Structure formats: C-alpha cells, structure tokens
C-alpha cells in the first residue's frame, strides 16, 4: 500500500472507529464544557475554540506516541530485508484493522484487555488532567487534551500497534495524526449535538456496519499482501507500503 494510501486508510479507520469515541470521550467533552459560561456553551462559535484546542492536544499526544513507536519499530524492521519489512508491515496493518473491526462491532472483546492494562498507567495521569478543570480558557482545554489523549482506549491502542509498521518517527507521527483527524468530526459534533448523536451511534447496526467496513479494509490489505509480489528494492528503512 503506498504511503499516501496508508494515511488515507488511517483517516478512514479513525472516522469509522470514532463511533466508539462517544462512550470513551463523551464524558470528557461534558467535563470540558462544565466550567464554561452559559453563553459560551450555547454558542457554537464561542465553544469551537475550546473544542479545537482540546482535540489539538489530544491528537498531539497521539502523534508523540506514534513517533516513539515508529522510531523503535524502524530500528527493528531495518534489520529485515526490504521485502520482508514491507510484507510484515502489510500483515500487521491488515491484522490491526481486522482486530479493530471485530472490537468495534462487538464480536471480539480482545482490545478491552489492552484498555485494562493501560488503566494502570492512567491512574497516575488522570489526577494531572483534573488539575485543568474547570476549563475556563482554550489553552487549558489544549492542556487537558494533551493529558486525556493517553486515556486507555482499545481503538487508539490498535492504531498505535499499526504505527509500529511506519518505519520511523516521522511516519509514525503522521499515521497517528491522520488517525486522529479521522476521529475529529465525531468529537466536534459531539459538543454541538451530543444527545442526538449518542442515540444514533449507539445503535448496534451502526457500530456493526462500521466494524464490517474495517474488517473488509483489513481483509483487502491482507489479500494484497498475499497475492502481490514484494520485490527487493529499497532498504528496510524506506517505504514499507510500496508494492512493486
């Protein structure tokens, strides 16, 4: 898969997977607006800077985590031949999307195990986030987003597992930024139409439909890895997603 297509796929994964965000982040968005004045909460124009800064901080946290994992994995994948590194990246990418699709549709709770493991670290981070409540300035919303971006979430953890295939810090950060931008429409809309949106995305068919689409995307990625030739070319530290 070409690098550009990988970023588009990451965006689509975030967009489809963001139906999960309502349950995980809906309470956070509520806490974000709790300390705001009534005139700000009732005005989309006044509320937008707070939501924008919060989500910018959240996505920045994703980028940092993706960069760290991309850096580590790049050193490890560089030990493999170029073709082997690209094939490994394709298999991991497809496997990630299948796991997330099953998790999102409610057919496999495996990623919830990662959430429970991450909860141990979150015990130390959550008190730091509460220091920025109530949020009475957009900058405080950004700082809150930086902390809450590390909230234990199976969907984010799966995306981070995908960033292991990125091959470098910059690529890992870009992949997670694309993923985070995909989640952005749902979380921005949550602030303006939370009740109606919650009713819609909690319908089992909506979540299952998004899960099926992710499953199909993952299966296509694995099919591509199995049927297309992966020729030696660049060093393993190069473009893992290019199919000759």
C-alpha atoms as a PDB file:
ATOM      1  CA  UNK A   1       0.000   0.000   0.000  1.00  0.00           C
ATOM      2  CA  UNK A   2       1.549   3.355  -0.982  1.00  0.00           C
ATOM      3  CA  UNK A   3       2.344   5.707   1.875  1.00  0.00           C
ATOM      4  CA  UNK A   4      -0.321   8.223   0.815  1.00  0.00           C
ATOM      5  CA  UNK A   5      -2.955   5.488   0.696  1.00  0.00           C
ATOM      6  CA  UNK A   6      -1.858   4.375   4.160  1.00  0.00           C
ATOM      7  CA  UNK A   7      -2.557   7.833   5.574  1.00  0.00           C
ATOM      8  CA  UNK A   8      -5.958   7.880   3.867  1.00  0.00           C
ATOM      9  CA  UNK A   9      -6.674   4.446   5.347  1.00  0.00           C
ATOM     10  CA  UNK A  10      -5.639   5.687   8.789  1.00  0.00           C
ATOM     11  CA  UNK A  11      -8.030   8.620   8.421  1.00  0.00           C
ATOM     12  CA  UNK A  12     -10.880   6.299   7.381  1.00  0.00           C
ATOM     13  CA  UNK A  13     -10.126   3.966  10.277  1.00  0.00           C
ATOM     14  CA  UNK A  14     -10.346   6.888  12.676  1.00  0.00           C
ATOM     15  CA  UNK A  15     -13.564   8.091  11.049  1.00  0.00           C
ATOM     16  CA  UNK A  16     -15.267   4.699  11.143  1.00  0.00           C
ATOM     17  CA  UNK A  17     -13.894   3.821  14.547  1.00  0.00           C
ATOM     18  CA  UNK A  18     -14.983   7.126  16.051  1.00  0.00           C
ATOM     19  CA  UNK A  19     -18.411   5.692  16.809  1.00  0.00           C
ATOM     20  CA  UNK A  20     -16.545   4.180  19.756  1.00  0.00           C
ATOM     21  CA  UNK A  21     -15.386   7.630  20.850  1.00  0.00           C
ATOM     22  CA  UNK A  22     -18.768   8.655  22.194  1.00  0.00           C
ATOM     23  CA  UNK A  23     -18.650   6.130  25.002  1.00  0.00           C
ATOM     24  CA  UNK A  24     -14.996   6.776  25.837  1.00  0.00           C
ATOM     25  CA  UNK A  25     -14.795  10.542  25.404  1.00  0.00           C
ATOM     26  CA  UNK A  26     -18.361  11.782  25.767  1.00  0.00           C
ATOM     27  CA  UNK A  27     -17.910  12.314  29.491  1.00  0.00           C
ATOM     28  CA  UNK A  28     -14.662  14.176  28.894  1.00  0.00           C
ATOM     29  CA  UNK A  29     -16.311  16.569  26.478  1.00  0.00           C
ATOM     30  CA  UNK A  30     -19.022  17.103  29.086  1.00  0.00           C
ATOM     31  CA  UNK A  31     -16.398  17.870  31.729  1.00  0.00           C
ATOM     32  CA  UNK A  32     -14.687  20.196  29.285  1.00  0.00           C
ATOM     33  CA  UNK A  33     -17.794  22.341  28.921  1.00  0.00           C
ATOM     34  CA  UNK A  34     -18.910  22.086  32.546  1.00  0.00           C
ATOM     35  CA  UNK A  35     -16.975  25.131  33.720  1.00  0.00           C
ATOM     36  CA  UNK A  36     -17.870  27.310  30.773  1.00  0.00           C
ATOM     37  CA  UNK A  37     -20.324  30.148  30.964  1.00  0.00           C
ATOM     38  CA  UNK A  38     -23.813  29.536  29.664  1.00  0.00           C
ATOM     39  CA  UNK A  39     -23.375  31.942  26.764  1.00  0.00           C
ATOM     40  CA  UNK A  40     -20.273  30.030  25.608  1.00  0.00           C
ATOM     41  CA  UNK A  41     -21.898  26.603  25.884  1.00  0.00           C
ATOM     42  CA  UNK A  42     -24.911  27.750  23.919  1.00  0.00           C
ATOM     43  CA  UNK A  43     -22.923  29.402  21.132  1.00  0.00           C
ATOM     44  CA  UNK A  44     -21.197  27.041  18.659  1.00  0.00           C
ATOM     45  CA  UNK A  45     -18.890  29.877  17.584  1.00  0.00           C
ATOM     46  CA  UNK A  46     -17.768  30.560  21.162  1.00  0.00           C
ATOM     47  CA  UNK A  47     -17.476  26.856  22.003  1.00  0.00           C
ATOM     48  CA  UNK A  48     -15.454  25.943  18.923  1.00  0.00           C
ATOM     49  CA  UNK A  49     -12.051  27.278  20.170  1.00  0.00           C
ATOM     50  CA  UNK A  50     -12.330  25.131  23.309  1.00  0.00           C
ATOM     51  CA  UNK A  51     -13.164  22.004  21.332  1.00  0.00           C
ATOM     52  CA  UNK A  52     -10.471  22.797  18.766  1.00  0.00           C
ATOM     53  CA  UNK A  53      -7.727  23.243  21.374  1.00  0.00           C
ATOM     54  CA  UNK A  54      -8.825  20.129  23.259  1.00  0.00           C
ATOM     55  CA  UNK A  55      -8.705  17.990  20.130  1.00  0.00           C
ATOM     56  CA  UNK A  56      -5.415  19.531  19.011  1.00  0.00           C
ATOM     57  CA  UNK A  57      -3.887  18.486  22.325  1.00  0.00           C
ATOM     58  CA  UNK A  58      -5.401  15.019  22.049  1.00  0.00           C
ATOM     59  CA  UNK A  59      -4.057  14.473  18.531  1.00  0.00           C
ATOM     60  CA  UNK A  60      -0.658  15.856  19.564  1.00  0.00           C
ATOM     61  CA  UNK A  61      -0.481  13.128  22.213  1.00  0.00           C
ATOM     62  CA  UNK A  62      -1.286  10.529  19.556  1.00  0.00           C
ATOM     63  CA  UNK A  63       1.497  11.927  17.372  1.00  0.00           C
ATOM     64  CA  UNK A  64       4.060  11.727  20.178  1.00  0.00           C
ATOM     65  CA  UNK A  65       3.137   8.121  20.938  1.00  0.00           C
ATOM     66  CA  UNK A  66       3.195   7.227  17.242  1.00  0.00           C
ATOM     67  CA  UNK A  67       6.594   8.840  16.798  1.00  0.00           C
ATOM     68  CA  UNK A  68       8.055   6.875  19.704  1.00  0.00           C
ATOM     69  CA  UNK A  69       6.725   3.539  18.461  1.00  0.00           C
ATOM     70  CA  UNK A  70       7.658   4.355  14.871  1.00  0.00           C
ATOM     71  CA  UNK A  71      11.207   5.136  15.943  1.00  0.00           C
ATOM     72  CA  UNK A  72      11.593   1.868  17.850  1.00  0.00           C
ATOM     73  CA  UNK A  73       9.979  -0.271  15.147  1.00  0.00           C
ATOM     74  CA  UNK A  74      12.002   1.434  12.422  1.00  0.00           C
ATOM     75  CA  UNK A  75      15.207   0.298  14.084  1.00  0.00           C
ATOM     76  CA  UNK A  76      13.865  -3.254  14.374  1.00  0.00           C
ATOM     77  CA  UNK A  77      12.427  -3.515  10.852  1.00  0.00           C
ATOM     78  CA  UNK A  78      15.674  -2.157   9.449  1.00  0.00           C
ATOM     79  CA  UNK A  79      17.222  -5.486  10.440  1.00  0.00           C
ATOM     80  CA  UNK A  80      14.973  -7.270   7.919  1.00  0.00           C
ATOM     81  CA  UNK A  81      15.392  -7.364   4.128  1.00  0.00           C
ATOM     82  CA  UNK A  82      13.347  -4.640   2.436  1.00  0.00           C
ATOM     83  CA  UNK A  83      10.772  -7.078   1.007  1.00  0.00           C
ATOM     84  CA  UNK A  84      10.375  -8.788   4.365  1.00  0.00           C
ATOM     85  CA  UNK A  85       9.881  -5.471   6.137  1.00  0.00           C
ATOM     86  CA  UNK A  86       7.199  -4.348   3.672  1.00  0.00           C
ATOM     87  CA  UNK A  87       5.368  -7.681   3.896  1.00  0.00           C
ATOM     88  CA  UNK A  88       5.498  -7.586   7.697  1.00  0.00           C
ATOM     89  CA  UNK A  89       4.091  -4.059   7.670  1.00  0.00           C
ATOM     90  CA  UNK A  90       1.217  -5.076   5.379  1.00  0.00           C
ATOM     91  CA  UNK A  91       0.299  -8.077   7.533  1.00  0.00           C
ATOM     92  CA  UNK A  92       0.365  -6.036  10.725  1.00  0.00           C
ATOM     93  CA  UNK A  93      -1.705  -3.271   9.121  1.00  0.00           C
ATOM     94  CA  UNK A  94      -4.363  -5.703   7.931  1.00  0.00           C
ATOM     95  CA  UNK A  95      -4.397  -7.523  11.235  1.00  0.00           C
ATOM     96  CA  UNK A  96      -4.846  -4.251  13.101  1.00  0.00           C
ATOM     97  CA  UNK A  97      -7.876  -3.283  11.005  1.00  0.00           C
ATOM     98  CA  UNK A  98      -9.475  -6.718  11.426  1.00  0.00           C
ATOM     99  CA  UNK A  99      -8.967  -6.628  15.200  1.00  0.00           C
ATOM    100  CA  UNK A 100     -10.437  -3.146  15.419  1.00  0.00           C
ATOM    101  CA  UNK A 101     -13.385  -4.089  13.208  1.00  0.00           C
ATOM    102  CA  UNK A 102     -14.232  -7.087  15.396  1.00  0.00           C
ATOM    103  CA  UNK A 103     -13.853  -4.988  18.524  1.00  0.00           C
ATOM    104  CA  UNK A 104     -15.974  -2.147  17.207  1.00  0.00           C
ATOM    105  CA  UNK A 105     -18.767  -4.463  16.053  1.00  0.00           C
ATOM    106  CA  UNK A 106     -18.830  -6.121  19.480  1.00  0.00           C
ATOM    107  CA  UNK A 107     -17.802  -9.544  18.165  1.00  0.00           C
ATOM    108  CA  UNK A 108     -14.427  -9.776  19.910  1.00  0.00           C
ATOM    109  CA  UNK A 109     -13.503  -8.010  23.155  1.00  0.00           C
ATOM    110  CA  UNK A 110      -9.772  -8.625  22.860  1.00  0.00           C
ATOM    111  CA  UNK A 111      -8.781  -4.969  22.714  1.00  0.00           C
ATOM    112  CA  UNK A 112     -10.520  -4.368  26.036  1.00  0.00           C
ATOM    113  CA  UNK A 113      -7.646  -6.295  27.605  1.00  0.00           C
ATOM    114  CA  UNK A 114      -5.309  -3.561  26.390  1.00  0.00           C
ATOM    115  CA  UNK A 115      -7.614  -0.948  27.909  1.00  0.00           C
ATOM    116  CA  UNK A 116      -7.412  -2.635  31.292  1.00  0.00           C
ATOM    117  CA  UNK A 117      -3.624  -2.837  31.045  1.00  0.00           C
ATOM    118  CA  UNK A 118      -3.426   0.843  30.123  1.00  0.00           C
ATOM    119  CA  UNK A 119      -5.648   1.673  33.069  1.00  0.00           C
ATOM    120  CA  UNK A 120      -2.720   1.065  35.397  1.00  0.00           C
ATOM    121  CA  UNK A 121      -0.758   3.907  33.812  1.00  0.00           C
ATOM    122  CA  UNK A 122      -3.879   6.064  33.614  1.00  0.00           C
ATOM    123  CA  UNK A 123      -4.190   6.069  37.412  1.00  0.00           C
ATOM    124  CA  UNK A 124      -1.140   8.311  37.529  1.00  0.00           C
ATOM    125  CA  UNK A 125      -2.139  10.557  34.618  1.00  0.00           C
ATOM    126  CA  UNK A 126      -5.786  11.196  35.454  1.00  0.00           C
ATOM    127  CA  UNK A 127      -5.070  13.404  38.508  1.00  0.00           C
ATOM    128  CA  UNK A 128      -2.869  15.573  36.281  1.00  0.00           C
ATOM    129  CA  UNK A 129      -5.739  16.110  33.856  1.00  0.00           C
ATOM    130  CA  UNK A 130      -8.114  17.095  36.626  1.00  0.00           C
ATOM    131  CA  UNK A 131      -5.850  20.000  37.504  1.00  0.00           C
ATOM    132  CA  UNK A 132      -7.074  21.752  34.364  1.00  0.00           C
ATOM    133  CA  UNK A 133     -10.735  21.530  35.381  1.00  0.00           C
ATOM    134  CA  UNK A 134     -12.826  23.573  35.204  1.00  0.00           C
ATOM    135  CA  UNK A 135     -11.738  24.663  31.751  1.00  0.00           C
ATOM    136  CA  UNK A 136     -12.123  28.426  31.515  1.00  0.00           C
ATOM    137  CA  UNK A 137      -9.683  29.160  28.680  1.00  0.00           C
ATOM    138  CA  UNK A 138      -8.924  27.461  25.335  1.00  0.00           C
ATOM    139  CA  UNK A 139      -5.284  26.910  26.357  1.00  0.00           C
ATOM    140  CA  UNK A 140      -6.427  24.933  29.374  1.00  0.00           C
ATOM    141  CA  UNK A 141      -8.570  22.859  27.016  1.00  0.00           C
ATOM    142  CA  UNK A 142      -5.439  22.136  24.978  1.00  0.00           C
ATOM    143  CA  UNK A 143      -3.511  21.041  28.065  1.00  0.00           C
ATOM    144  CA  UNK A 144      -6.416  18.847  29.094  1.00  0.00           C
ATOM    145  CA  UNK A 145      -6.363  17.267  25.630  1.00  0.00           C
ATOM    146  CA  UNK A 146      -2.647  16.533  25.948  1.00  0.00           C
ATOM    147  CA  UNK A 147      -3.332  14.516  29.090  1.00  0.00           C
ATOM    148  CA  UNK A 148      -6.589  12.871  28.068  1.00  0.00           C
ATOM    149  CA  UNK A 149      -5.013  11.765  24.798  1.00  0.00           C
ATOM    150  CA  UNK A 150      -3.426   8.994  26.868  1.00  0.00           C
ATOM    151  CA  UNK A 151      -6.816   7.706  28.057  1.00  0.00           C
ATOM    152  CA  UNK A 152      -6.890   3.879  27.838  1.00  0.00           C
ATOM    153  CA  UNK A 153      -8.747   3.164  24.603  1.00  0.00           C
ATOM    154  CA  UNK A 154      -8.614  -0.066  22.620  1.00  0.00           C
ATOM    155  CA  UNK A 155      -9.156   1.805  19.369  1.00  0.00           C
ATOM    156  CA  UNK A 156      -6.195   4.125  19.979  1.00  0.00           C
ATOM    157  CA  UNK A 157      -4.032   1.239  21.140  1.00  0.00           C
ATOM    158  CA  UNK A 158      -4.841  -0.654  17.945  1.00  0.00           C
ATOM    159  CA  UNK A 159      -3.874   2.406  15.909  1.00  0.00           C
ATOM    160  CA  UNK A 160      -0.612   2.619  17.838  1.00  0.00           C
ATOM    161  CA  UNK A 161       0.042  -1.024  17.004  1.00  0.00           C
ATOM    162  CA  UNK A 162      -0.385  -0.022  13.359  1.00  0.00           C
ATOM    163  CA  UNK A 163       2.183   2.746  13.817  1.00  0.00           C
ATOM    164  CA  UNK A 164       4.690   0.006  14.586  1.00  0.00           C
ATOM    165  CA  UNK A 165       4.709  -0.621  10.828  1.00  0.00           C
ATOM    166  CA  UNK A 166       5.519   3.001   9.986  1.00  0.00           C
ATOM    167  CA  UNK A 167       9.275   2.532   9.887  1.00  0.00           C
ATOM    168  CA  UNK A 168      10.307   5.800  11.510  1.00  0.00           C
ATOM    169  CA  UNK A 169       9.362   8.523  13.977  1.00  0.00           C
ATOM    170  CA  UNK A 170       8.032  10.931  11.341  1.00  0.00           C
ATOM    171  CA  UNK A 171       5.910   8.291   9.630  1.00  0.00           C
ATOM    172  CA  UNK A 172       4.568   7.024  12.937  1.00  0.00           C
ATOM    173  CA  UNK A 173       3.560  10.540  13.942  1.00  0.00           C
ATOM    174  CA  UNK A 174       1.890  11.197  10.570  1.00  0.00           C
ATOM    175  CA  UNK A 175      -0.068   7.955  10.727  1.00  0.00           C
ATOM    176  CA  UNK A 176      -1.418   8.813  14.183  1.00  0.00           C
ATOM    177  CA  UNK A 177      -2.227  12.389  13.135  1.00  0.00           C
ATOM    178  CA  UNK A 178      -4.221  11.018  10.179  1.00  0.00           C
ATOM    179  CA  UNK A 179      -5.998   8.633  12.519  1.00  0.00           C
ATOM    180  CA  UNK A 180      -6.715  11.427  14.997  1.00  0.00           C
ATOM    181  CA  UNK A 181      -8.082  13.693  12.271  1.00  0.00           C
ATOM    182  CA  UNK A 182     -10.456  10.902  11.340  1.00  0.00           C
ATOM    183  CA  UNK A 183     -11.918  10.929  14.849  1.00  0.00           C
ATOM    184  CA  UNK A 184     -12.246  14.712  14.797  1.00  0.00           C
ATOM    185  CA  UNK A 185     -15.671  15.094  13.085  1.00  0.00           C
ATOM    186  CA  UNK A 186     -17.380  12.865  15.642  1.00  0.00           C
ATOM    187  CA  UNK A 187     -15.856  14.598  18.645  1.00  0.00           C
ATOM    188  CA  UNK A 188     -16.526  18.084  17.306  1.00  0.00           C
ATOM    189  CA  UNK A 189     -20.119  17.176  16.523  1.00  0.00           C
ATOM    190  CA  UNK A 190     -20.431  15.675  19.978  1.00  0.00           C
ATOM    191  CA  UNK A 191     -20.122  19.103  21.512  1.00  0.00           C
ATOM    192  CA  UNK A 192     -22.957  20.526  19.440  1.00  0.00           C
ATOM    193  CA  UNK A 193     -25.390  17.620  19.125  1.00  0.00           C
ATOM    194  CA  UNK A 194     -24.406  15.169  21.816  1.00  0.00           C
ATOM    195  CA  UNK A 195     -27.843  13.760  22.583  1.00  0.00           C
ATOM    196  CA  UNK A 196     -28.950  13.019  19.035  1.00  0.00           C
ATOM    197  CA  UNK A 197     -25.507  11.758  18.072  1.00  0.00           C
ATOM    198  CA  UNK A 198     -25.369   9.439  21.073  1.00  0.00           C
ATOM    199  CA  UNK A 199     -28.704   7.903  20.142  1.00  0.00           C
ATOM    200  CA  UNK A 200     -27.539   7.294  16.585  1.00  0.00           C
ATOM    201  CA  UNK A 201     -24.071   5.810  17.109  1.00  0.00           C
ATOM    202  CA  UNK A 202     -25.160   3.548  19.960  1.00  0.00           C
ATOM    203  CA  UNK A 203     -27.406   1.624  17.633  1.00  0.00           C
ATOM    204  CA  UNK A 204     -25.908  -1.858  17.198  1.00  0.00           C
ATOM    205  CA  UNK A 205     -26.307  -1.731  13.416  1.00  0.00           C
ATOM    206  CA  UNK A 206     -24.330   1.497  13.188  1.00  0.00           C
ATOM    207  CA  UNK A 207     -21.418   0.097  15.172  1.00  0.00           C
ATOM    208  CA  UNK A 208     -21.576  -3.238  13.375  1.00  0.00           C
ATOM    209  CA  UNK A 209     -21.673  -1.522   9.994  1.00  0.00           C
ATOM    210  CA  UNK A 210     -18.537   0.481  10.819  1.00  0.00           C
ATOM    211  CA  UNK A 211     -16.904  -2.692  12.115  1.00  0.00           C
ATOM    212  CA  UNK A 212     -17.696  -4.601   8.931  1.00  0.00           C
ATOM    213  CA  UNK A 213     -16.192  -1.843   6.786  1.00  0.00           C
ATOM    214  CA  UNK A 214     -12.988  -2.002   8.822  1.00  0.00           C
ATOM    215  CA  UNK A 215     -12.973  -5.791   8.512  1.00  0.00           C
ATOM    216  CA  UNK A 216     -13.248  -5.544   4.739  1.00  0.00           C
ATOM    217  CA  UNK A 217     -10.445  -2.977   4.607  1.00  0.00           C
ATOM    218  CA  UNK A 218      -8.234  -5.235   6.709  1.00  0.00           C
ATOM    219  CA  UNK A 219      -9.024  -8.312   4.619  1.00  0.00           C
ATOM    220  CA  UNK A 220      -8.226  -6.403   1.433  1.00  0.00           C
ATOM    221  CA  UNK A 221      -4.875  -5.366   2.899  1.00  0.00           C
ATOM    222  CA  UNK A 222      -4.063  -8.984   3.758  1.00  0.00           C
ATOM    223  CA  UNK A 223      -5.203 -10.130   0.327  1.00  0.00           C
ATOM    224  CA  UNK A 224      -2.872  -7.594  -1.271  1.00  0.00           C
ATOM    225  CA  UNK A 225      -0.005  -8.809   0.903  1.00  0.00           C
ATOM    226  CA  UNK A 226      -0.676 -12.429  -0.074  1.00  0.00           C
ATOM    227  CA  UNK A 227      -1.148 -12.004  -3.812  1.00  0.00           C
ATOM    228  CA  UNK A 228       1.141  -9.186  -4.956  1.00  0.00           C
ATOM    229  CA  UNK A 229       4.894  -9.567  -5.393  1.00  0.00           C
ATOM    230  CA  UNK A 230       7.077  -7.810  -2.841  1.00  0.00           C
ATOM    231  CA  UNK A 231      10.357  -7.198  -4.630  1.00  0.00           C
ATOM    232  CA  UNK A 232      13.598  -6.238  -3.048  1.00  0.00           C
ATOM    233  CA  UNK A 233      14.302  -2.600  -3.653  1.00  0.00           C
ATOM    234  CA  UNK A 234      14.771  -0.016  -1.003  1.00  0.00           C
ATOM    235  CA  UNK A 235      16.394  -0.596   2.308  1.00  0.00           C
ATOM    236  CA  UNK A 236      14.006  -1.728   5.005  1.00  0.00           C
ATOM    237  CA  UNK A 237      14.105   1.738   6.495  1.00  0.00           C
ATOM    238  CA  UNK A 238      12.401   3.157   3.392  1.00  0.00           C
ATOM    239  CA  UNK A 239       8.839   2.989   2.117  1.00  0.00           C
ATOM    240  CA  UNK A 240       7.270  -0.162   3.527  1.00  0.00           C
ATOM    241  CA  UNK A 241       3.989   0.360   1.747  1.00  0.00           C
ATOM    242  CA  UNK A 242       5.142   0.404  -1.861  1.00  0.00           C
ATOM    243  CA  UNK A 243       4.103  -2.623  -3.934  1.00  0.00           C
ATOM    244  CA  UNK A 244       6.273  -3.264  -6.982  1.00  0.00           C
END
